[in-house]
């Protein structure tokens, strides 16, 4: 299967091990295994965006079975050495690209990384981020959310250190530059040649796709899972209330 011009390969990484939440990627979340929500997002986005394939990268037979039932491909299981707690996702994706090229001659021009731990992502976010990527002439894109202007770290003794103390002296909050942070890694998009050359999703011209702060949920700990599910179940109400807020 040959790659197409500007065709996007969507990759959903879902290894079997998880320290914070056991079996996190297939734990039930609002009526479906967590992983399935992201597969659905990708399938829905592919109706209007050039996403050619949706592949789940996993080392687990159980996850692979659920992923296939949800509508994704699992061409092969990820090697064990690329599925440890210390493994980098980018290495697993580069390995996947190599396997697909060698076995099928498949070479997508872009790689879209969708973490299953961001269930408050919407298909429209994927579609709109792809449009932004192409219009901006970017090499890579990452979704972000706004954060506070004054940045701090705290040591083991709870002592705060201000990383940008000059912001404390500003009399007007609106005059401060806007700062951003990762939103829970909802969306990464990169040109395949850039990814292979730099082994990074942050290379060349990097643009940001902004996600509202209330949706910037990353399910890493039990508290994230509980709060995230509440937000997910009531997201339509929250969105409507924000629009009507006076």
C-alpha atoms as a PDB file:
ATOM      1  CA  UNK A   1       0.000   0.000   0.000  1.00  0.00           C
ATOM      2  CA  UNK A   2       1.778   3.125  -1.143  1.00  0.00           C
ATOM      3  CA  UNK A   3       1.641   6.365   0.798  1.00  0.00           C
ATOM      4  CA  UNK A   4      -0.470   9.198  -0.591  1.00  0.00           C
ATOM      5  CA  UNK A   5       0.340  12.891  -0.918  1.00  0.00           C
ATOM      6  CA  UNK A   6      -0.163  14.529   2.462  1.00  0.00           C
ATOM      7  CA  UNK A   7      -1.767  11.392   3.857  1.00  0.00           C
ATOM      8  CA  UNK A   8      -1.758  11.231   7.629  1.00  0.00           C
ATOM      9  CA  UNK A   9      -1.069   8.145   9.701  1.00  0.00           C
ATOM     10  CA  UNK A  10      -2.822   8.454  13.067  1.00  0.00           C
ATOM     11  CA  UNK A  11      -1.023   6.541  15.820  1.00  0.00           C
ATOM     12  CA  UNK A  12      -2.536   5.853  19.235  1.00  0.00           C
ATOM     13  CA  UNK A  13       0.096   4.569  21.700  1.00  0.00           C
ATOM     14  CA  UNK A  14      -1.291   2.229  24.361  1.00  0.00           C
ATOM     15  CA  UNK A  15       1.205  -0.005  26.091  1.00  0.00           C
ATOM     16  CA  UNK A  16      -0.006  -2.548  28.609  1.00  0.00           C
ATOM     17  CA  UNK A  17       1.898  -1.386  31.681  1.00  0.00           C
ATOM     18  CA  UNK A  18       0.694   1.570  33.743  1.00  0.00           C
ATOM     19  CA  UNK A  19       1.973   2.477  37.197  1.00  0.00           C
ATOM     20  CA  UNK A  20      -0.456   5.252  38.136  1.00  0.00           C
ATOM     21  CA  UNK A  21      -3.688   3.518  37.066  1.00  0.00           C
ATOM     22  CA  UNK A  22      -3.601  -0.261  36.404  1.00  0.00           C
ATOM     23  CA  UNK A  23      -4.750  -1.184  32.884  1.00  0.00           C
ATOM     24  CA  UNK A  24      -5.463   2.509  32.345  1.00  0.00           C
ATOM     25  CA  UNK A  25      -5.790   2.397  28.566  1.00  0.00           C
ATOM     26  CA  UNK A  26      -8.629  -0.135  28.650  1.00  0.00           C
ATOM     27  CA  UNK A  27     -10.206   0.827  31.970  1.00  0.00           C
ATOM     28  CA  UNK A  28     -13.883   1.660  31.536  1.00  0.00           C
ATOM     29  CA  UNK A  29     -14.417   5.400  31.121  1.00  0.00           C
ATOM     30  CA  UNK A  30     -17.956   6.707  30.682  1.00  0.00           C
ATOM     31  CA  UNK A  31     -19.266   3.486  29.180  1.00  0.00           C
ATOM     32  CA  UNK A  32     -16.329   2.388  27.024  1.00  0.00           C
ATOM     33  CA  UNK A  33     -12.665   1.400  27.399  1.00  0.00           C
ATOM     34  CA  UNK A  34     -10.629   4.612  27.606  1.00  0.00           C
ATOM     35  CA  UNK A  35      -8.707   3.779  24.432  1.00  0.00           C
ATOM     36  CA  UNK A  36     -11.899   3.485  22.371  1.00  0.00           C
ATOM     37  CA  UNK A  37     -12.807   7.153  22.875  1.00  0.00           C
ATOM     38  CA  UNK A  38      -9.641   8.233  21.054  1.00  0.00           C
ATOM     39  CA  UNK A  39     -10.213   5.693  18.271  1.00  0.00           C
ATOM     40  CA  UNK A  40     -13.697   7.163  17.790  1.00  0.00           C
ATOM     41  CA  UNK A  41     -12.236  10.697  17.709  1.00  0.00           C
ATOM     42  CA  UNK A  42      -9.837   9.672  14.954  1.00  0.00           C
ATOM     43  CA  UNK A  43     -12.496   7.830  12.936  1.00  0.00           C
ATOM     44  CA  UNK A  44     -14.866  10.806  13.098  1.00  0.00           C
ATOM     45  CA  UNK A  45     -12.101  13.271  12.164  1.00  0.00           C
ATOM     46  CA  UNK A  46     -11.072  11.098   9.208  1.00  0.00           C
ATOM     47  CA  UNK A  47     -14.432  11.813   7.560  1.00  0.00           C
ATOM     48  CA  UNK A  48     -13.253  15.377   6.863  1.00  0.00           C
ATOM     49  CA  UNK A  49      -9.473  15.156   7.213  1.00  0.00           C
ATOM     50  CA  UNK A  50      -6.849  13.231   5.188  1.00  0.00           C
ATOM     51  CA  UNK A  51      -6.272  10.550   7.827  1.00  0.00           C
ATOM     52  CA  UNK A  52      -5.517   7.413   5.850  1.00  0.00           C
ATOM     53  CA  UNK A  53      -4.998   4.903   8.648  1.00  0.00           C
ATOM     54  CA  UNK A  54      -5.598   4.660  12.384  1.00  0.00           C
ATOM     55  CA  UNK A  55      -3.104   2.377  14.104  1.00  0.00           C
ATOM     56  CA  UNK A  56      -2.801   1.450  17.770  1.00  0.00           C
ATOM     57  CA  UNK A  57       0.742   0.750  18.946  1.00  0.00           C
ATOM     58  CA  UNK A  58       0.656  -1.708  21.841  1.00  0.00           C
ATOM     59  CA  UNK A  59       2.529  -4.629  23.361  1.00  0.00           C
ATOM     60  CA  UNK A  60      -0.655  -6.158  24.796  1.00  0.00           C
ATOM     61  CA  UNK A  61      -2.842  -8.783  23.110  1.00  0.00           C
ATOM     62  CA  UNK A  62      -5.778  -7.653  25.248  1.00  0.00           C
ATOM     63  CA  UNK A  63      -5.399  -4.026  24.201  1.00  0.00           C
ATOM     64  CA  UNK A  64      -4.922  -5.076  20.587  1.00  0.00           C
ATOM     65  CA  UNK A  65      -8.194  -7.013  20.636  1.00  0.00           C
ATOM     66  CA  UNK A  66     -10.135  -4.071  22.093  1.00  0.00           C
ATOM     67  CA  UNK A  67      -8.496  -1.672  19.634  1.00  0.00           C
ATOM     68  CA  UNK A  68      -9.529  -3.808  16.650  1.00  0.00           C
ATOM     69  CA  UNK A  69     -13.077  -4.095  17.949  1.00  0.00           C
ATOM     70  CA  UNK A  70     -13.120  -0.301  18.236  1.00  0.00           C
ATOM     71  CA  UNK A  71     -12.180   0.131  14.581  1.00  0.00           C
ATOM     72  CA  UNK A  72      -8.399   0.621  14.650  1.00  0.00           C
ATOM     73  CA  UNK A  73      -5.612  -1.395  13.052  1.00  0.00           C
ATOM     74  CA  UNK A  74      -2.971  -3.252  15.044  1.00  0.00           C
ATOM     75  CA  UNK A  75      -0.533  -4.504  12.366  1.00  0.00           C
ATOM     76  CA  UNK A  76       1.741  -6.109  14.957  1.00  0.00           C
ATOM     77  CA  UNK A  77       2.546  -5.970  18.669  1.00  0.00           C
ATOM     78  CA  UNK A  78       5.144  -3.483  19.834  1.00  0.00           C
ATOM     79  CA  UNK A  79       8.466  -5.111  20.850  1.00  0.00           C
ATOM     80  CA  UNK A  80       8.912  -5.439  24.620  1.00  0.00           C
ATOM     81  CA  UNK A  81      11.990  -3.194  24.629  1.00  0.00           C
ATOM     82  CA  UNK A  82       9.842  -0.356  23.265  1.00  0.00           C
ATOM     83  CA  UNK A  83       7.075  -0.830  25.840  1.00  0.00           C
ATOM     84  CA  UNK A  84       8.799  -0.243  29.183  1.00  0.00           C
ATOM     85  CA  UNK A  85       8.145   2.644  31.548  1.00  0.00           C
ATOM     86  CA  UNK A  86      11.334   4.283  30.291  1.00  0.00           C
ATOM     87  CA  UNK A  87      10.638   3.777  26.580  1.00  0.00           C
ATOM     88  CA  UNK A  88      10.054   6.840  24.439  1.00  0.00           C
ATOM     89  CA  UNK A  89       6.877   6.934  22.381  1.00  0.00           C
ATOM     90  CA  UNK A  90       8.777   8.494  19.478  1.00  0.00           C
ATOM     91  CA  UNK A  91      11.027   5.424  19.243  1.00  0.00           C
ATOM     92  CA  UNK A  92       7.998   3.119  19.052  1.00  0.00           C
ATOM     93  CA  UNK A  93       6.468   5.245  16.289  1.00  0.00           C
ATOM     94  CA  UNK A  94       9.677   5.338  14.274  1.00  0.00           C
ATOM     95  CA  UNK A  95       9.856   1.557  14.611  1.00  0.00           C
ATOM     96  CA  UNK A  96       6.234   1.332  13.415  1.00  0.00           C
ATOM     97  CA  UNK A  97       6.986   3.498  10.384  1.00  0.00           C
ATOM     98  CA  UNK A  98       9.916   1.258   9.509  1.00  0.00           C
ATOM     99  CA  UNK A  99       7.808  -1.900   9.747  1.00  0.00           C
ATOM    100  CA  UNK A 100       4.990  -0.460   7.630  1.00  0.00           C
ATOM    101  CA  UNK A 101       7.436   0.689   4.958  1.00  0.00           C
ATOM    102  CA  UNK A 102       9.267  -2.637   4.859  1.00  0.00           C
ATOM    103  CA  UNK A 103       6.181  -4.863   4.866  1.00  0.00           C
ATOM    104  CA  UNK A 104       3.715  -2.769   2.854  1.00  0.00           C
ATOM    105  CA  UNK A 105       5.644   0.016   1.183  1.00  0.00           C
ATOM    106  CA  UNK A 106       3.475   2.419   3.180  1.00  0.00           C
ATOM    107  CA  UNK A 107       4.969   5.879   3.717  1.00  0.00           C
ATOM    108  CA  UNK A 108       2.600   8.560   5.061  1.00  0.00           C
ATOM    109  CA  UNK A 109       3.753  12.149   4.746  1.00  0.00           C
ATOM    110  CA  UNK A 110       2.501  13.128   8.223  1.00  0.00           C
ATOM    111  CA  UNK A 111       2.198  11.374  11.580  1.00  0.00           C
ATOM    112  CA  UNK A 112      -0.593  12.279  13.987  1.00  0.00           C
ATOM    113  CA  UNK A 113      -0.058  11.155  17.595  1.00  0.00           C
ATOM    114  CA  UNK A 114      -3.192  10.889  19.750  1.00  0.00           C
ATOM    115  CA  UNK A 115      -2.727   9.914  23.384  1.00  0.00           C
ATOM    116  CA  UNK A 116      -5.631   7.839  24.789  1.00  0.00           C
ATOM    117  CA  UNK A 117      -5.294   9.700  28.105  1.00  0.00           C
ATOM    118  CA  UNK A 118      -6.921  12.821  26.629  1.00  0.00           C
ATOM    119  CA  UNK A 119     -10.610  11.837  26.334  1.00  0.00           C
ATOM    120  CA  UNK A 120     -11.870  15.435  26.272  1.00  0.00           C
ATOM    121  CA  UNK A 121     -10.344  15.922  22.855  1.00  0.00           C
ATOM    122  CA  UNK A 122     -12.982  16.297  20.115  1.00  0.00           C
ATOM    123  CA  UNK A 123     -12.896  15.213  16.449  1.00  0.00           C
ATOM    124  CA  UNK A 124     -13.136  18.910  15.556  1.00  0.00           C
ATOM    125  CA  UNK A 125      -9.875  19.538  17.419  1.00  0.00           C
ATOM    126  CA  UNK A 126      -8.110  16.996  15.238  1.00  0.00           C
ATOM    127  CA  UNK A 127      -9.613  18.378  12.034  1.00  0.00           C
ATOM    128  CA  UNK A 128      -8.913  22.007  12.970  1.00  0.00           C
ATOM    129  CA  UNK A 129      -5.342  21.274  14.078  1.00  0.00           C
ATOM    130  CA  UNK A 130      -4.633  19.602  10.728  1.00  0.00           C
ATOM    131  CA  UNK A 131      -6.000  22.651   8.910  1.00  0.00           C
ATOM    132  CA  UNK A 132      -3.842  24.959  11.053  1.00  0.00           C
ATOM    133  CA  UNK A 133      -0.798  22.795  10.396  1.00  0.00           C
ATOM    134  CA  UNK A 134      -1.200  22.963   6.639  1.00  0.00           C
ATOM    135  CA  UNK A 135      -2.129  26.657   6.472  1.00  0.00           C
ATOM    136  CA  UNK A 136       0.790  27.725   8.660  1.00  0.00           C
ATOM    137  CA  UNK A 137       3.414  25.768   6.741  1.00  0.00           C
ATOM    138  CA  UNK A 138       4.547  24.150   9.986  1.00  0.00           C
ATOM    139  CA  UNK A 139       6.898  21.225  10.417  1.00  0.00           C
ATOM    140  CA  UNK A 140       5.234  20.152  13.644  1.00  0.00           C
ATOM    141  CA  UNK A 141       2.234  21.025  15.801  1.00  0.00           C
ATOM    142  CA  UNK A 142       1.337  20.403  19.427  1.00  0.00           C
ATOM    143  CA  UNK A 143      -1.828  21.222  21.321  1.00  0.00           C
ATOM    144  CA  UNK A 144      -1.410  23.556  24.293  1.00  0.00           C
ATOM    145  CA  UNK A 145      -3.470  25.394  26.881  1.00  0.00           C
ATOM    146  CA  UNK A 146      -3.019  28.692  28.679  1.00  0.00           C
ATOM    147  CA  UNK A 147      -1.359  28.779  32.074  1.00  0.00           C
ATOM    148  CA  UNK A 148      -0.617  31.423  34.695  1.00  0.00           C
ATOM    149  CA  UNK A 149       1.768  34.226  33.809  1.00  0.00           C
ATOM    150  CA  UNK A 150       3.839  33.867  36.980  1.00  0.00           C
ATOM    151  CA  UNK A 151       5.733  30.568  36.948  1.00  0.00           C
ATOM    152  CA  UNK A 152       6.964  28.863  40.114  1.00  0.00           C
ATOM    153  CA  UNK A 153       8.698  25.705  41.284  1.00  0.00           C
ATOM    154  CA  UNK A 154       8.611  24.298  44.828  1.00  0.00           C
ATOM    155  CA  UNK A 155      11.351  22.316  46.569  1.00  0.00           C
ATOM    156  CA  UNK A 156      11.051  19.471  49.079  1.00  0.00           C
ATOM    157  CA  UNK A 157      10.639  21.983  51.895  1.00  0.00           C
ATOM    158  CA  UNK A 158       7.678  23.707  50.175  1.00  0.00           C
ATOM    159  CA  UNK A 159       9.799  26.765  49.463  1.00  0.00           C
ATOM    160  CA  UNK A 160       8.676  28.534  46.303  1.00  0.00           C
ATOM    161  CA  UNK A 161      11.039  29.811  43.656  1.00  0.00           C
ATOM    162  CA  UNK A 162       9.753  32.324  41.126  1.00  0.00           C
ATOM    163  CA  UNK A 163      11.071  31.455  37.680  1.00  0.00           C
ATOM    164  CA  UNK A 164      10.054  34.783  36.127  1.00  0.00           C
ATOM    165  CA  UNK A 165       9.972  37.245  39.089  1.00  0.00           C
ATOM    166  CA  UNK A 166       9.722  40.232  36.760  1.00  0.00           C
ATOM    167  CA  UNK A 167       6.084  39.300  36.222  1.00  0.00           C
ATOM    168  CA  UNK A 168       5.278  40.025  39.888  1.00  0.00           C
ATOM    169  CA  UNK A 169       5.949  43.740  39.425  1.00  0.00           C
ATOM    170  CA  UNK A 170       3.506  44.237  36.552  1.00  0.00           C
ATOM    171  CA  UNK A 171       0.578  46.455  37.665  1.00  0.00           C
ATOM    172  CA  UNK A 172      -1.718  45.187  34.931  1.00  0.00           C
ATOM    173  CA  UNK A 173      -2.359  41.511  34.287  1.00  0.00           C
ATOM    174  CA  UNK A 174      -3.490  42.233  30.729  1.00  0.00           C
ATOM    175  CA  UNK A 175      -0.043  43.646  29.929  1.00  0.00           C
ATOM    176  CA  UNK A 176       1.714  40.379  30.741  1.00  0.00           C
ATOM    177  CA  UNK A 177       2.742  38.013  27.952  1.00  0.00           C
ATOM    178  CA  UNK A 178       0.579  34.898  27.699  1.00  0.00           C
ATOM    179  CA  UNK A 179       2.218  31.650  28.747  1.00  0.00           C
ATOM    180  CA  UNK A 180       1.225  28.169  27.568  1.00  0.00           C
ATOM    181  CA  UNK A 181       1.804  24.603  28.707  1.00  0.00           C
ATOM    182  CA  UNK A 182       1.122  21.165  27.293  1.00  0.00           C
ATOM    183  CA  UNK A 183      -2.563  20.381  27.601  1.00  0.00           C
ATOM    184  CA  UNK A 184      -2.194  16.701  28.435  1.00  0.00           C
ATOM    185  CA  UNK A 185      -0.716  15.847  25.063  1.00  0.00           C
ATOM    186  CA  UNK A 186      -4.003  15.738  23.150  1.00  0.00           C
ATOM    187  CA  UNK A 187      -2.573  16.220  19.660  1.00  0.00           C
ATOM    188  CA  UNK A 188       0.857  16.004  18.052  1.00  0.00           C
ATOM    189  CA  UNK A 189       1.301  16.333  14.293  1.00  0.00           C
ATOM    190  CA  UNK A 190       4.596  16.240  12.411  1.00  0.00           C
ATOM    191  CA  UNK A 191       5.955  15.776   8.914  1.00  0.00           C
ATOM    192  CA  UNK A 192       7.258  12.239   8.646  1.00  0.00           C
ATOM    193  CA  UNK A 193      10.631  13.216   7.215  1.00  0.00           C
ATOM    194  CA  UNK A 194      11.136  15.696  10.061  1.00  0.00           C
ATOM    195  CA  UNK A 195      10.204  13.062  12.652  1.00  0.00           C
ATOM    196  CA  UNK A 196      12.605  10.514  11.178  1.00  0.00           C
ATOM    197  CA  UNK A 197      15.426  13.035  10.894  1.00  0.00           C
ATOM    198  CA  UNK A 198      15.079  14.716  14.292  1.00  0.00           C
ATOM    199  CA  UNK A 199      13.458  11.836  16.250  1.00  0.00           C
ATOM    200  CA  UNK A 200      11.206  14.441  17.834  1.00  0.00           C
ATOM    201  CA  UNK A 201       7.710  15.861  17.554  1.00  0.00           C
ATOM    202  CA  UNK A 202       9.125  19.332  18.280  1.00  0.00           C
ATOM    203  CA  UNK A 203      11.319  20.245  15.356  1.00  0.00           C
ATOM    204  CA  UNK A 204      11.525  22.922  12.703  1.00  0.00           C
ATOM    205  CA  UNK A 205       8.663  25.405  12.742  1.00  0.00           C
ATOM    206  CA  UNK A 206       6.436  24.377  15.651  1.00  0.00           C
ATOM    207  CA  UNK A 207       2.918  25.810  15.953  1.00  0.00           C
ATOM    208  CA  UNK A 208       0.458  25.477  18.830  1.00  0.00           C
ATOM    209  CA  UNK A 209      -3.210  24.541  18.704  1.00  0.00           C
ATOM    210  CA  UNK A 210      -4.961  25.955  21.757  1.00  0.00           C
ATOM    211  CA  UNK A 211      -7.346  23.870  23.874  1.00  0.00           C
ATOM    212  CA  UNK A 212      -9.589  25.441  26.524  1.00  0.00           C
ATOM    213  CA  UNK A 213      -8.223  24.960  30.026  1.00  0.00           C
ATOM    214  CA  UNK A 214     -11.218  23.029  31.329  1.00  0.00           C
ATOM    215  CA  UNK A 215     -10.703  20.375  28.659  1.00  0.00           C
ATOM    216  CA  UNK A 216      -6.952  20.071  29.194  1.00  0.00           C
ATOM    217  CA  UNK A 217      -7.177  16.842  31.187  1.00  0.00           C
ATOM    218  CA  UNK A 218      -4.426  14.203  31.192  1.00  0.00           C
ATOM    219  CA  UNK A 219      -5.424  10.964  32.924  1.00  0.00           C
ATOM    220  CA  UNK A 220      -2.222  10.146  34.783  1.00  0.00           C
ATOM    221  CA  UNK A 221      -3.408   9.571  38.363  1.00  0.00           C
ATOM    222  CA  UNK A 222      -6.663   8.280  39.948  1.00  0.00           C
ATOM    223  CA  UNK A 223      -7.791  11.842  40.727  1.00  0.00           C
ATOM    224  CA  UNK A 224      -7.388  12.754  37.042  1.00  0.00           C
ATOM    225  CA  UNK A 225      -9.496   9.775  36.012  1.00  0.00           C
ATOM    226  CA  UNK A 226     -12.314  10.610  38.431  1.00  0.00           C
ATOM    227  CA  UNK A 227     -12.429  14.327  37.615  1.00  0.00           C
ATOM    228  CA  UNK A 228     -11.946  13.659  33.905  1.00  0.00           C
ATOM    229  CA  UNK A 229     -14.945  11.330  33.784  1.00  0.00           C
ATOM    230  CA  UNK A 230     -17.140  13.908  35.503  1.00  0.00           C
ATOM    231  CA  UNK A 231     -16.093  16.545  32.977  1.00  0.00           C
ATOM    232  CA  UNK A 232     -16.577  14.125  30.091  1.00  0.00           C
ATOM    233  CA  UNK A 233     -20.118  13.208  31.132  1.00  0.00           C
ATOM    234  CA  UNK A 234     -21.132  16.854  31.537  1.00  0.00           C
ATOM    235  CA  UNK A 235     -19.070  18.438  28.757  1.00  0.00           C
ATOM    236  CA  UNK A 236     -22.083  19.548  26.709  1.00  0.00           C
ATOM    237  CA  UNK A 237     -23.609  21.272  29.753  1.00  0.00           C
ATOM    238  CA  UNK A 238     -20.289  22.908  30.621  1.00  0.00           C
ATOM    239  CA  UNK A 239     -19.766  24.123  27.062  1.00  0.00           C
ATOM    240  CA  UNK A 240     -23.290  25.561  26.867  1.00  0.00           C
ATOM    241  CA  UNK A 241     -22.966  27.250  30.274  1.00  0.00           C
ATOM    242  CA  UNK A 242     -19.701  28.907  29.254  1.00  0.00           C
ATOM    243  CA  UNK A 243     -21.245  30.212  26.027  1.00  0.00           C
ATOM    244  CA  UNK A 244     -24.200  31.685  27.936  1.00  0.00           C
ATOM    245  CA  UNK A 245     -22.122  33.063  30.811  1.00  0.00           C
ATOM    246  CA  UNK A 246     -22.657  36.790  31.445  1.00  0.00           C
END
